[in-house]
PDB file of all heavy atoms in Angstrom:
ATOM      1  N   SER A   1      22.967  12.549 -10.652  1.00  0.00           N
ATOM      2  CA  SER A   1      21.989  12.847 -11.705  1.00  0.00           C
ATOM      3  C   SER A   1      20.767  11.938 -11.622  1.00  0.00           C
ATOM      4  O   SER A   1      19.915  11.974 -12.508  1.00  0.00           O
ATOM      5  CB  SER A   1      22.638  12.684 -13.085  1.00  0.00           C
ATOM      6  OG  SER A   1      23.139  11.361 -13.252  1.00  0.00           O
ATOM      7  N   ALA A   2      20.665  11.139 -10.561  1.00  0.00           N
ATOM      8  CA  ALA A   2      19.614  10.127 -10.476  1.00  0.00           C
ATOM      9  C   ALA A   2      18.251  10.745 -10.186  1.00  0.00           C
ATOM     10  O   ALA A   2      18.103  11.571  -9.280  1.00  0.00           O
ATOM     11  CB  ALA A   2      19.959   9.111  -9.400  1.00  0.00           C
ATOM     12  N   VAL A   3      17.283  10.337 -10.969  1.00  0.00           N
ATOM     13  CA  VAL A   3      15.877  10.682 -10.782  1.00  0.00           C
ATOM     14  C   VAL A   3      15.083   9.405 -11.028  1.00  0.00           C
ATOM     15  O   VAL A   3      15.307   8.732 -12.038  1.00  0.00           O
ATOM     16  CB  VAL A   3      15.421  11.788 -11.740  1.00  0.00           C
ATOM     17  CG1 VAL A   3      13.943  12.081 -11.562  1.00  0.00           C
ATOM     18  CG2 VAL A   3      16.237  13.053 -11.529  1.00  0.00           C
ATOM     19  N   PRO A   4      14.171   9.029 -10.154  1.00  0.00           N
ATOM     20  CA  PRO A   4      13.438   7.774 -10.334  1.00  0.00           C
ATOM     21  C   PRO A   4      12.615   7.762 -11.621  1.00  0.00           C
ATOM     22  O   PRO A   4      12.125   8.808 -12.058  1.00  0.00           O
ATOM     23  CB  PRO A   4      12.521   7.708  -9.110  1.00  0.00           C
ATOM     24  CG  PRO A   4      13.121   8.634  -8.122  1.00  0.00           C
ATOM     25  CD  PRO A   4      13.776   9.720  -8.919  1.00  0.00           C
ATOM     26  N   PRO A   5      12.452   6.597 -12.238  1.00  0.00           N
ATOM     27  CA  PRO A   5      11.572   6.495 -13.409  1.00  0.00           C
ATOM     28  C   PRO A   5      10.124   6.732 -13.028  1.00  0.00           C
ATOM     29  O   PRO A   5       9.763   6.712 -11.849  1.00  0.00           O
ATOM     30  CB  PRO A   5      11.804   5.062 -13.898  1.00  0.00           C
ATOM     31  CG  PRO A   5      12.312   4.327 -12.704  1.00  0.00           C
ATOM     32  CD  PRO A   5      13.084   5.312 -11.890  1.00  0.00           C
ATOM     33  N   SER A   6       9.285   6.950 -14.026  1.00  0.00           N
ATOM     34  CA  SER A   6       7.910   7.379 -13.786  1.00  0.00           C
ATOM     35  C   SER A   6       7.101   6.374 -12.968  1.00  0.00           C
ATOM     36  O   SER A   6       6.179   6.765 -12.251  1.00  0.00           O
ATOM     37  CB  SER A   6       7.198   7.637 -15.121  1.00  0.00           C
ATOM     38  OG  SER A   6       7.159   6.460 -15.907  1.00  0.00           O
ATOM     39  N   ASN A   7       7.432   5.073 -13.051  1.00  0.00           N
ATOM     40  CA  ASN A   7       6.654   4.092 -12.297  1.00  0.00           C
ATOM     41  C   ASN A   7       6.978   4.089 -10.817  1.00  0.00           C
ATOM     42  O   ASN A   7       6.377   3.333 -10.043  1.00  0.00           O
ATOM     43  CB  ASN A   7       6.826   2.690 -12.886  1.00  0.00           C
ATOM     44  CG  ASN A   7       8.261   2.235 -12.952  1.00  0.00           C
ATOM     45  OD1 ASN A   7       9.159   3.025 -13.233  1.00  0.00           O
ATOM     46  ND2 ASN A   7       8.503   0.952 -12.701  1.00  0.00           N
ATOM     47  N   TYR A   8       7.902   4.929 -10.381  1.00  0.00           N
ATOM     48  CA  TYR A   8       8.185   5.099  -8.962  1.00  0.00           C
ATOM     49  C   TYR A   8       7.683   6.445  -8.453  1.00  0.00           C
ATOM     50  O   TYR A   8       7.942   6.804  -7.299  1.00  0.00           O
ATOM     51  CB  TYR A   8       9.684   4.988  -8.694  1.00  0.00           C
ATOM     52  CG  TYR A   8      10.177   3.557  -8.708  1.00  0.00           C
ATOM     53  CD1 TYR A   8      10.529   2.939  -9.911  1.00  0.00           C
ATOM     54  CD2 TYR A   8      10.284   2.817  -7.539  1.00  0.00           C
ATOM     55  CE1 TYR A   8      10.973   1.630  -9.941  1.00  0.00           C
ATOM     56  CE2 TYR A   8      10.729   1.505  -7.555  1.00  0.00           C
ATOM     57  CZ  TYR A   8      11.075   0.923  -8.753  1.00  0.00           C
ATOM     58  OH  TYR A   8      11.517  -0.384  -8.776  1.00  0.00           O
ATOM     59  N   LEU A   9       6.975   7.186  -9.298  1.00  0.00           N
ATOM     60  CA  LEU A   9       6.479   8.506  -8.935  1.00  0.00           C
ATOM     61  C   LEU A   9       4.985   8.437  -8.621  1.00  0.00           C
ATOM     62  O   LEU A   9       4.224   7.739  -9.290  1.00  0.00           O
ATOM     63  CB  LEU A   9       6.726   9.497 -10.069  1.00  0.00           C
ATOM     64  CG  LEU A   9       8.176   9.681 -10.507  1.00  0.00           C
ATOM     65  CD1 LEU A   9       8.251  10.685 -11.653  1.00  0.00           C
ATOM     66  CD2 LEU A   9       9.061  10.120  -9.351  1.00  0.00           C
ATOM     67  N   TYR A  10       4.578   9.203  -7.604  1.00  0.00           N
ATOM     68  CA  TYR A  10       3.195   9.173  -7.146  1.00  0.00           C
ATOM     69  C   TYR A  10       2.679  10.579  -6.906  1.00  0.00           C
ATOM     70  O   TYR A  10       3.450  11.510  -6.662  1.00  0.00           O
ATOM     71  CB  TYR A  10       3.074   8.374  -5.838  1.00  0.00           C
ATOM     72  CG  TYR A  10       3.323   6.897  -6.024  1.00  0.00           C
ATOM     73  CD1 TYR A  10       4.618   6.400  -6.054  1.00  0.00           C
ATOM     74  CD2 TYR A  10       2.267   6.008  -6.197  1.00  0.00           C
ATOM     75  CE1 TYR A  10       4.858   5.041  -6.240  1.00  0.00           C
ATOM     76  CE2 TYR A  10       2.493   4.653  -6.373  1.00  0.00           C
ATOM     77  CZ  TYR A  10       3.793   4.177  -6.402  1.00  0.00           C
ATOM     78  OH  TYR A  10       4.019   2.841  -6.589  1.00  0.00           O
ATOM     79  N   SER A  11       1.351  10.703  -6.957  1.00  0.00           N
ATOM     80  CA  SER A  11       0.683  11.934  -6.557  1.00  0.00           C
ATOM     81  C   SER A  11       0.221  11.797  -5.116  1.00  0.00           C
ATOM     82  O   SER A  11      -0.237  10.729  -4.698  1.00  0.00           O
ATOM     83  CB  SER A  11      -0.539  12.205  -7.446  1.00  0.00           C
ATOM     84  OG  SER A  11      -0.157  12.408  -8.790  1.00  0.00           O
ATOM     85  N   ILE A  12       0.364  12.852  -4.372  1.00  0.00           N
ATOM     86  CA  ILE A  12      -0.148  12.878  -2.995  1.00  0.00           C
ATOM     87  C   ILE A  12      -0.988  14.140  -2.858  1.00  0.00           C
ATOM     88  O   ILE A  12      -0.480  15.230  -3.103  1.00  0.00           O
ATOM     89  CB  ILE A  12       0.999  12.881  -1.965  1.00  0.00           C
ATOM     90  CG1 ILE A  12       1.869  11.623  -2.121  1.00  0.00           C
ATOM     91  CG2 ILE A  12       0.445  12.947  -0.540  1.00  0.00           C
ATOM     92  CD1 ILE A  12       3.070  11.581  -1.192  1.00  0.00           C
ATOM     93  N   PRO A  13      -2.292  13.994  -2.486  1.00  0.00           N
ATOM     94  CA  PRO A  13      -2.961  12.784  -2.008  1.00  0.00           C
ATOM     95  C   PRO A  13      -3.256  11.764  -3.113  1.00  0.00           C
ATOM     96  O   PRO A  13      -2.920  11.988  -4.262  1.00  0.00           O
ATOM     97  CB  PRO A  13      -4.272  13.330  -1.419  1.00  0.00           C
ATOM     98  CG  PRO A  13      -4.528  14.597  -2.175  1.00  0.00           C
ATOM     99  CD  PRO A  13      -3.160  15.175  -2.448  1.00  0.00           C
ATOM    100  N   THR A  14      -3.866  10.677  -2.688  1.00  0.00           N
ATOM    101  CA  THR A  14      -4.312   9.547  -3.521  1.00  0.00           C
ATOM    102  C   THR A  14      -3.171   8.729  -4.081  1.00  0.00           C
ATOM    103  O   THR A  14      -3.269   8.211  -5.182  1.00  0.00           O
ATOM    104  CB  THR A  14      -5.249  10.004  -4.672  1.00  0.00           C
ATOM    105  OG1 THR A  14      -4.529  10.803  -5.607  1.00  0.00           O
ATOM    106  CG2 THR A  14      -6.441  10.777  -4.124  1.00  0.00           C
ATOM    107  N   TYR A  15      -2.074   8.545  -3.344  1.00  0.00           N
ATOM    108  CA  TYR A  15      -1.015   7.664  -3.833  1.00  0.00           C
ATOM    109  C   TYR A  15      -1.369   6.194  -3.668  1.00  0.00           C
ATOM    110  O   TYR A  15      -0.698   5.326  -4.238  1.00  0.00           O
ATOM    111  CB  TYR A  15       0.321   7.973  -3.156  1.00  0.00           C
ATOM    112  CG  TYR A  15       0.461   7.520  -1.722  1.00  0.00           C
ATOM    113  CD1 TYR A  15       0.759   6.200  -1.404  1.00  0.00           C
ATOM    114  CD2 TYR A  15       0.344   8.427  -0.677  1.00  0.00           C
ATOM    115  CE1 TYR A  15       0.909   5.794  -0.096  1.00  0.00           C
ATOM    116  CE2 TYR A  15       0.507   8.036   0.626  1.00  0.00           C
ATOM    117  CZ  TYR A  15       0.795   6.712   0.922  1.00  0.00           C
ATOM    118  OH  TYR A  15       0.945   6.320   2.225  1.00  0.00           O
ATOM    119  N   ALA A  16      -2.414   5.888  -2.894  1.00  0.00           N
ATOM    120  CA  ALA A  16      -2.915   4.520  -2.742  1.00  0.00           C
ATOM    121  C   ALA A  16      -4.414   4.610  -2.484  1.00  0.00           C
ATOM    122  O   ALA A  16      -4.882   5.597  -1.915  1.00  0.00           O
ATOM    123  CB  ALA A  16      -2.215   3.803  -1.588  1.00  0.00           C
ATOM    124  N   PRO A  17      -5.186   3.597  -2.899  1.00  0.00           N
ATOM    125  CA  PRO A  17      -6.641   3.648  -2.704  1.00  0.00           C
ATOM    126  C   PRO A  17      -7.032   3.399  -1.254  1.00  0.00           C
ATOM    127  O   PRO A  17      -6.368   2.657  -0.532  1.00  0.00           O
ATOM    128  CB  PRO A  17      -7.156   2.531  -3.619  1.00  0.00           C
ATOM    129  CG  PRO A  17      -6.017   1.582  -3.729  1.00  0.00           C
ATOM    130  CD  PRO A  17      -4.776   2.411  -3.686  1.00  0.00           C
ATOM    131  N   GLN A  18      -8.120   4.003  -0.848  1.00  0.00           N
ATOM    132  CA  GLN A  18      -8.607   3.843   0.518  1.00  0.00           C
ATOM    133  C   GLN A  18      -9.070   2.419   0.797  1.00  0.00           C
ATOM    134  O   GLN A  18      -8.978   1.940   1.931  1.00  0.00           O
ATOM    135  CB  GLN A  18      -9.776   4.814   0.760  1.00  0.00           C
ATOM    136  CG  GLN A  18     -10.277   4.854   2.199  1.00  0.00           C
ATOM    137  CD  GLN A  18      -9.380   5.649   3.114  1.00  0.00           C
ATOM    138  OE1 GLN A  18      -8.616   6.474   2.657  1.00  0.00           O
ATOM    139  NE2 GLN A  18      -9.483   5.418   4.407  1.00  0.00           N
ATOM    140  N   ASN A  19      -9.528   1.724  -0.228  1.00  0.00           N
ATOM    141  CA  ASN A  19     -10.105   0.390  -0.024  1.00  0.00           C
ATOM    142  C   ASN A  19      -9.145  -0.732  -0.392  1.00  0.00           C
ATOM    143  O   ASN A  19      -9.576  -1.809  -0.783  1.00  0.00           O
ATOM    144  CB  ASN A  19     -11.407   0.257  -0.809  1.00  0.00           C
ATOM    145  CG  ASN A  19     -11.190   0.376  -2.309  1.00  0.00           C
ATOM    146  OD1 ASN A  19     -10.132   0.798  -2.751  1.00  0.00           O
ATOM    147  ND2 ASN A  19     -12.209   0.018  -3.082  1.00  0.00           N
ATOM    148  N   ASP A  20      -7.849  -0.501  -0.295  1.00  0.00           N
ATOM    149  CA  ASP A  20      -6.909  -1.598  -0.531  1.00  0.00           C
ATOM    150  C   ASP A  20      -7.290  -2.796   0.335  1.00  0.00           C
ATOM    151  O   ASP A  20      -7.592  -2.634   1.516  1.00  0.00           O
ATOM    152  CB  ASP A  20      -5.487  -1.163  -0.177  1.00  0.00           C
ATOM    153  CG  ASP A  20      -4.786  -0.502  -1.344  1.00  0.00           C
ATOM    154  OD1 ASP A  20      -5.398  -0.341  -2.402  1.00  0.00           O
ATOM    155  OD2 ASP A  20      -3.623  -0.141  -1.160  1.00  0.00           O
ATOM    156  N   PRO A  21      -7.300  -3.995  -0.210  1.00  0.00           N
ATOM    157  CA  PRO A  21      -7.775  -5.154   0.551  1.00  0.00           C
ATOM    158  C   PRO A  21      -6.863  -5.482   1.730  1.00  0.00           C
ATOM    159  O   PRO A  21      -5.658  -5.610   1.594  1.00  0.00           O
ATOM    160  CB  PRO A  21      -7.768  -6.280  -0.490  1.00  0.00           C
ATOM    161  CG  PRO A  21      -6.789  -5.840  -1.526  1.00  0.00           C
ATOM    162  CD  PRO A  21      -6.890  -4.351  -1.577  1.00  0.00           C
ATOM    163  N   GLY A  22      -7.469  -5.647   2.890  1.00  0.00           N
ATOM    164  CA  GLY A  22      -6.695  -5.996   4.072  1.00  0.00           C
ATOM    165  C   GLY A  22      -6.352  -7.463   4.147  1.00  0.00           C
ATOM    166  O   GLY A  22      -5.636  -7.891   5.052  1.00  0.00           O
ATOM    167  N   ILE A  23      -6.850  -8.267   3.200  1.00  0.00           N
ATOM    168  CA  ILE A  23      -6.569  -9.714   3.220  1.00  0.00           C
ATOM    169  C   ILE A  23      -5.222  -9.998   2.589  1.00  0.00           C
ATOM    170  O   ILE A  23      -4.387 -10.708   3.146  1.00  0.00           O
ATOM    171  CB  ILE A  23      -7.673 -10.492   2.479  1.00  0.00           C
ATOM    172  CG1 ILE A  23      -9.001 -10.308   3.211  1.00  0.00           C
ATOM    173  CG2 ILE A  23      -7.315 -11.969   2.373  1.00  0.00           C
ATOM    174  CD1 ILE A  23     -10.174 -10.937   2.498  1.00  0.00           C
ATOM    175  N   THR A  24      -4.986  -9.417   1.420  1.00  0.00           N
ATOM    176  CA  THR A  24      -3.733  -9.705   0.728  1.00  0.00           C
ATOM    177  C   THR A  24      -2.559  -8.941   1.320  1.00  0.00           C
ATOM    178  O   THR A  24      -1.410  -9.339   1.153  1.00  0.00           O
ATOM    179  CB  THR A  24      -3.840  -9.330  -0.764  1.00  0.00           C
ATOM    180  OG1 THR A  24      -4.047  -7.910  -0.868  1.00  0.00           O
ATOM    181  CG2 THR A  24      -4.997 -10.045  -1.422  1.00  0.00           C
ATOM    182  N   LEU A  25      -2.866  -7.822   2.009  1.00  0.00           N
ATOM    183  CA  LEU A  25      -1.824  -6.966   2.563  1.00  0.00           C
ATOM    184  C   LEU A  25      -0.880  -6.450   1.491  1.00  0.00           C
ATOM    185  O   LEU A  25       0.279  -6.146   1.765  1.00  0.00           O
ATOM    186  CB  LEU A  25      -1.022  -7.702   3.650  1.00  0.00           C
ATOM    187  CG  LEU A  25      -1.839  -8.208   4.829  1.00  0.00           C
ATOM    188  CD1 LEU A  25      -0.936  -8.849   5.862  1.00  0.00           C
ATOM    189  CD2 LEU A  25      -2.627  -7.087   5.448  1.00  0.00           C
ATOM    190  N   THR A  26      -1.361  -6.368   0.273  1.00  0.00           N
ATOM    191  CA  THR A  26      -0.556  -5.816  -0.810  1.00  0.00           C
ATOM    192  C   THR A  26      -0.857  -4.337  -0.931  1.00  0.00           C
ATOM    193  O   THR A  26      -1.984  -3.950  -1.209  1.00  0.00           O
ATOM    194  CB  THR A  26      -0.873  -6.536  -2.131  1.00  0.00           C
ATOM    195  OG1 THR A  26      -0.599  -7.918  -1.969  1.00  0.00           O
ATOM    196  CG2 THR A  26      -0.028  -5.976  -3.251  1.00  0.00           C
ATOM    197  N   ARG A  27       0.162  -3.495  -0.715  1.00  0.00           N
ATOM    198  CA  ARG A  27      -0.015  -2.052  -0.700  1.00  0.00           C
ATOM    199  C   ARG A  27      -1.174  -1.690   0.220  1.00  0.00           C
ATOM    200  O   ARG A  27      -2.030  -0.881  -0.091  1.00  0.00           O
ATOM    201  CB  ARG A  27      -0.279  -1.511  -2.116  1.00  0.00           C
ATOM    202  CG  ARG A  27       0.821  -1.834  -3.094  1.00  0.00           C
ATOM    203  CD  ARG A  27       2.076  -1.037  -2.759  1.00  0.00           C
ATOM    204  NE  ARG A  27       3.135  -1.318  -3.704  1.00  0.00           N
ATOM    205  CZ  ARG A  27       4.083  -2.216  -3.490  1.00  0.00           C
ATOM    206  NH1 ARG A  27       4.087  -2.917  -2.385  1.00  0.00           N
ATOM    207  NH2 ARG A  27       5.032  -2.402  -4.394  1.00  0.00           N
ATOM    208  N   ASP A  28      -1.181  -2.312   1.396  1.00  0.00           N
ATOM    209  CA  ASP A  28      -2.357  -2.234   2.259  1.00  0.00           C
ATOM    210  C   ASP A  28      -2.421  -0.943   3.054  1.00  0.00           C
ATOM    211  O   ASP A  28      -1.413  -0.439   3.511  1.00  0.00           O
ATOM    212  CB  ASP A  28      -2.369  -3.406   3.225  1.00  0.00           C
ATOM    213  CG  ASP A  28      -3.559  -3.364   4.137  1.00  0.00           C
ATOM    214  OD1 ASP A  28      -4.669  -3.476   3.610  1.00  0.00           O
ATOM    215  OD2 ASP A  28      -3.377  -3.174   5.348  1.00  0.00           O
ATOM    216  N   ILE A  29      -3.623  -0.423   3.183  1.00  0.00           N
ATOM    217  CA  ILE A  29      -3.878   0.650   4.125  1.00  0.00           C
ATOM    218  C   ILE A  29      -4.861   0.154   5.185  1.00  0.00           C
ATOM    219  O   ILE A  29      -4.593   0.205   6.362  1.00  0.00           O
ATOM    220  CB  ILE A  29      -4.434   1.893   3.430  1.00  0.00           C
ATOM    221  CG1 ILE A  29      -3.344   2.545   2.569  1.00  0.00           C
ATOM    222  CG2 ILE A  29      -4.923   2.911   4.447  1.00  0.00           C
ATOM    223  CD1 ILE A  29      -3.818   3.744   1.794  1.00  0.00           C
ATOM    224  N   LYS A  30      -6.010  -0.371   4.751  1.00  0.00           N
ATOM    225  CA  LYS A  30      -7.008  -0.830   5.705  1.00  0.00           C
ATOM    226  C   LYS A  30      -6.650  -2.235   6.166  1.00  0.00           C
ATOM    227  O   LYS A  30      -6.527  -3.158   5.372  1.00  0.00           O
ATOM    228  CB  LYS A  30      -8.405  -0.805   5.084  1.00  0.00           C
ATOM    229  CG  LYS A  30      -8.810   0.571   4.585  1.00  0.00           C
ATOM    230  CD  LYS A  30     -10.251   0.624   4.164  1.00  0.00           C
ATOM    231  CE  LYS A  30     -11.153   0.740   5.373  1.00  0.00           C
ATOM    232  NZ  LYS A  30     -12.563   0.965   4.987  1.00  0.00           N
ATOM    233  N   ILE A  31      -6.490  -2.400   7.460  1.00  0.00           N
ATOM    234  CA  ILE A  31      -6.043  -3.679   7.994  1.00  0.00           C
ATOM    235  C   ILE A  31      -6.429  -3.783   9.460  1.00  0.00           C
ATOM    236  O   ILE A  31      -6.399  -2.804  10.193  1.00  0.00           O
ATOM    237  CB  ILE A  31      -4.512  -3.824   7.835  1.00  0.00           C
ATOM    238  CG1 ILE A  31      -4.033  -5.159   8.403  1.00  0.00           C
ATOM    239  CG2 ILE A  31      -3.782  -2.679   8.482  1.00  0.00           C
ATOM    240  CD1 ILE A  31      -2.562  -5.396   8.178  1.00  0.00           C
ATOM    241  N   ASP A  32      -6.829  -4.992   9.873  1.00  0.00           N
ATOM    242  CA  ASP A  32      -7.119  -5.269  11.267  1.00  0.00           C
ATOM    243  C   ASP A  32      -5.960  -6.092  11.826  1.00  0.00           C
ATOM    244  O   ASP A  32      -5.830  -7.282  11.543  1.00  0.00           O
ATOM    245  CB  ASP A  32      -8.435  -6.036  11.379  1.00  0.00           C
ATOM    246  CG  ASP A  32      -8.863  -6.259  12.823  1.00  0.00           C
ATOM    247  OD1 ASP A  32      -8.005  -6.133  13.724  1.00  0.00           O
ATOM    248  OD2 ASP A  32     -10.042  -6.564  13.052  1.00  0.00           O
ATOM    249  N   ILE A  33      -5.115  -5.457  12.586  1.00  0.00           N
ATOM    250  CA  ILE A  33      -3.920  -6.144  13.083  1.00  0.00           C
ATOM    251  C   ILE A  33      -4.239  -7.177  14.148  1.00  0.00           C
ATOM    252  O   ILE A  33      -3.398  -8.018  14.476  1.00  0.00           O
ATOM    253  CB  ILE A  33      -2.910  -5.137  13.647  1.00  0.00           C
ATOM    254  CG1 ILE A  33      -3.502  -4.418  14.860  1.00  0.00           C
ATOM    255  CG2 ILE A  33      -2.470  -4.136  12.583  1.00  0.00           C
ATOM    256  CD1 ILE A  33      -2.502  -3.625  15.649  1.00  0.00           C
ATOM    257  N   TYR A  34      -5.462  -7.124  14.699  1.00  0.00           N
ATOM    258  CA  TYR A  34      -5.819  -8.018  15.785  1.00  0.00           C
ATOM    259  C   TYR A  34      -6.399  -9.336  15.295  1.00  0.00           C
ATOM    260  O   TYR A  34      -6.167 -10.381  15.891  1.00  0.00           O
ATOM    261  CB  TYR A  34      -6.799  -7.315  16.733  1.00  0.00           C
ATOM    262  CG  TYR A  34      -6.273  -5.982  17.191  1.00  0.00           C
ATOM    263  CD1 TYR A  34      -6.729  -4.797  16.614  1.00  0.00           C
ATOM    264  CD2 TYR A  34      -5.285  -5.897  18.173  1.00  0.00           C
ATOM    265  CE1 TYR A  34      -6.224  -3.568  17.013  1.00  0.00           C
ATOM    266  CE2 TYR A  34      -4.771  -4.675  18.572  1.00  0.00           C
ATOM    267  CZ  TYR A  34      -5.252  -3.516  17.989  1.00  0.00           C
ATOM    268  OH  TYR A  34      -4.736  -2.296  18.373  1.00  0.00           O
ATOM    269  N   SER A  35      -7.148  -9.299  14.178  1.00  0.00           N
ATOM    270  CA  SER A  35      -7.779 -10.516  13.689  1.00  0.00           C
ATOM    271  C   SER A  35      -7.075 -11.119  12.478  1.00  0.00           C
ATOM    272  O   SER A  35      -7.255 -12.294  12.178  1.00  0.00           O
ATOM    273  CB  SER A  35      -9.240 -10.241  13.325  1.00  0.00           C
ATOM    274  OG  SER A  35      -9.324  -9.325  12.247  1.00  0.00           O
ATOM    275  N   SER A  36      -6.272 -10.349  11.782  1.00  0.00           N
ATOM    276  CA  SER A  36      -5.610 -10.852  10.582  1.00  0.00           C
ATOM    277  C   SER A  36      -4.585 -11.927  10.921  1.00  0.00           C
ATOM    278  O   SER A  36      -3.874 -11.840  11.933  1.00  0.00           O
ATOM    279  CB  SER A  36      -4.919  -9.708   9.840  1.00  0.00           C
ATOM    280  OG  SER A  36      -4.166 -10.212   8.752  1.00  0.00           O
ATOM    281  N   GLN A  37      -4.509 -12.943  10.070  1.00  0.00           N
ATOM    282  CA  GLN A  37      -3.521 -14.011  10.234  1.00  0.00           C
ATOM    283  C   GLN A  37      -2.292 -13.787   9.361  1.00  0.00           C
ATOM    284  O   GLN A  37      -1.410 -14.643   9.289  1.00  0.00           O
ATOM    285  CB  GLN A  37      -4.161 -15.362   9.874  1.00  0.00           C
ATOM    286  CG  GLN A  37      -5.360 -15.731  10.747  1.00  0.00           C
ATOM    287  CD  GLN A  37      -4.978 -15.804  12.219  1.00  0.00           C
ATOM    288  OE1 GLN A  37      -4.035 -16.493  12.599  1.00  0.00           O
ATOM    289  NE2 GLN A  37      -5.743 -15.089  13.046  1.00  0.00           N
ATOM    290  N   ALA A  38      -2.236 -12.663   8.699  1.00  0.00           N
ATOM    291  CA  ALA A  38      -1.113 -12.380   7.810  1.00  0.00           C
ATOM    292  C   ALA A  38       0.200 -12.305   8.591  1.00  0.00           C
ATOM    293  O   ALA A  38       0.235 -11.909   9.761  1.00  0.00           O
ATOM    294  CB  ALA A  38      -1.341 -11.065   7.082  1.00  0.00           C
ATOM    295  N   THR A  39       1.266 -12.710   7.932  1.00  0.00           N
ATOM    296  CA  THR A  39       2.592 -12.674   8.556  1.00  0.00           C
ATOM    297  C   THR A  39       3.535 -11.695   7.860  1.00  0.00           C
ATOM    298  O   THR A  39       4.700 -11.592   8.239  1.00  0.00           O
ATOM    299  CB  THR A  39       3.225 -14.075   8.559  1.00  0.00           C
ATOM    300  OG1 THR A  39       3.299 -14.545   7.206  1.00  0.00           O
ATOM    301  CG2 THR A  39       2.391 -15.041   9.397  1.00  0.00           C
ATOM    302  N   THR A  40       3.040 -11.020   6.831  1.00  0.00           N
ATOM    303  CA  THR A  40       3.831  -9.998   6.141  1.00  0.00           C
ATOM    304  C   THR A  40       2.973  -8.772   5.924  1.00  0.00           C
ATOM    305  O   THR A  40       1.739  -8.835   5.986  1.00  0.00           O
ATOM    306  CB  THR A  40       4.355 -10.500   4.782  1.00  0.00           C
ATOM    307  OG1 THR A  40       3.233 -10.827   3.940  1.00  0.00           O
ATOM    308  CG2 THR A  40       5.246 -11.723   4.954  1.00  0.00           C
ATOM    309  N   TYR A  41       3.625  -7.677   5.641  1.00  0.00           N
ATOM    310  CA  TYR A  41       2.923  -6.422   5.376  1.00  0.00           C
ATOM    311  C   TYR A  41       3.788  -5.582   4.444  1.00  0.00           C
ATOM    312  O   TYR A  41       5.010  -5.489   4.644  1.00  0.00           O
ATOM    313  CB  TYR A  41       2.683  -5.664   6.679  1.00  0.00           C
ATOM    314  CG  TYR A  41       2.051  -4.306   6.487  1.00  0.00           C
ATOM    315  CD1 TYR A  41       0.679  -4.155   6.504  1.00  0.00           C
ATOM    316  CD2 TYR A  41       2.838  -3.183   6.288  1.00  0.00           C
ATOM    317  CE1 TYR A  41       0.097  -2.911   6.319  1.00  0.00           C
ATOM    318  CE2 TYR A  41       2.283  -1.936   6.098  1.00  0.00           C
ATOM    319  CZ  TYR A  41       0.904  -1.803   6.112  1.00  0.00           C
ATOM    320  OH  TYR A  41       0.342  -0.577   5.924  1.00  0.00           O
TER     321      TYR A  41
END
């Protein structure tokens, strides 16, 4: 009978913004894997 709560539901398209910051890598879409020093994604 499990159905996820509303905060786990998304609309597609636009489930994430195009300009998500590539620095924080939080819910990231835009990212430069060659120059970034991030160690998580």
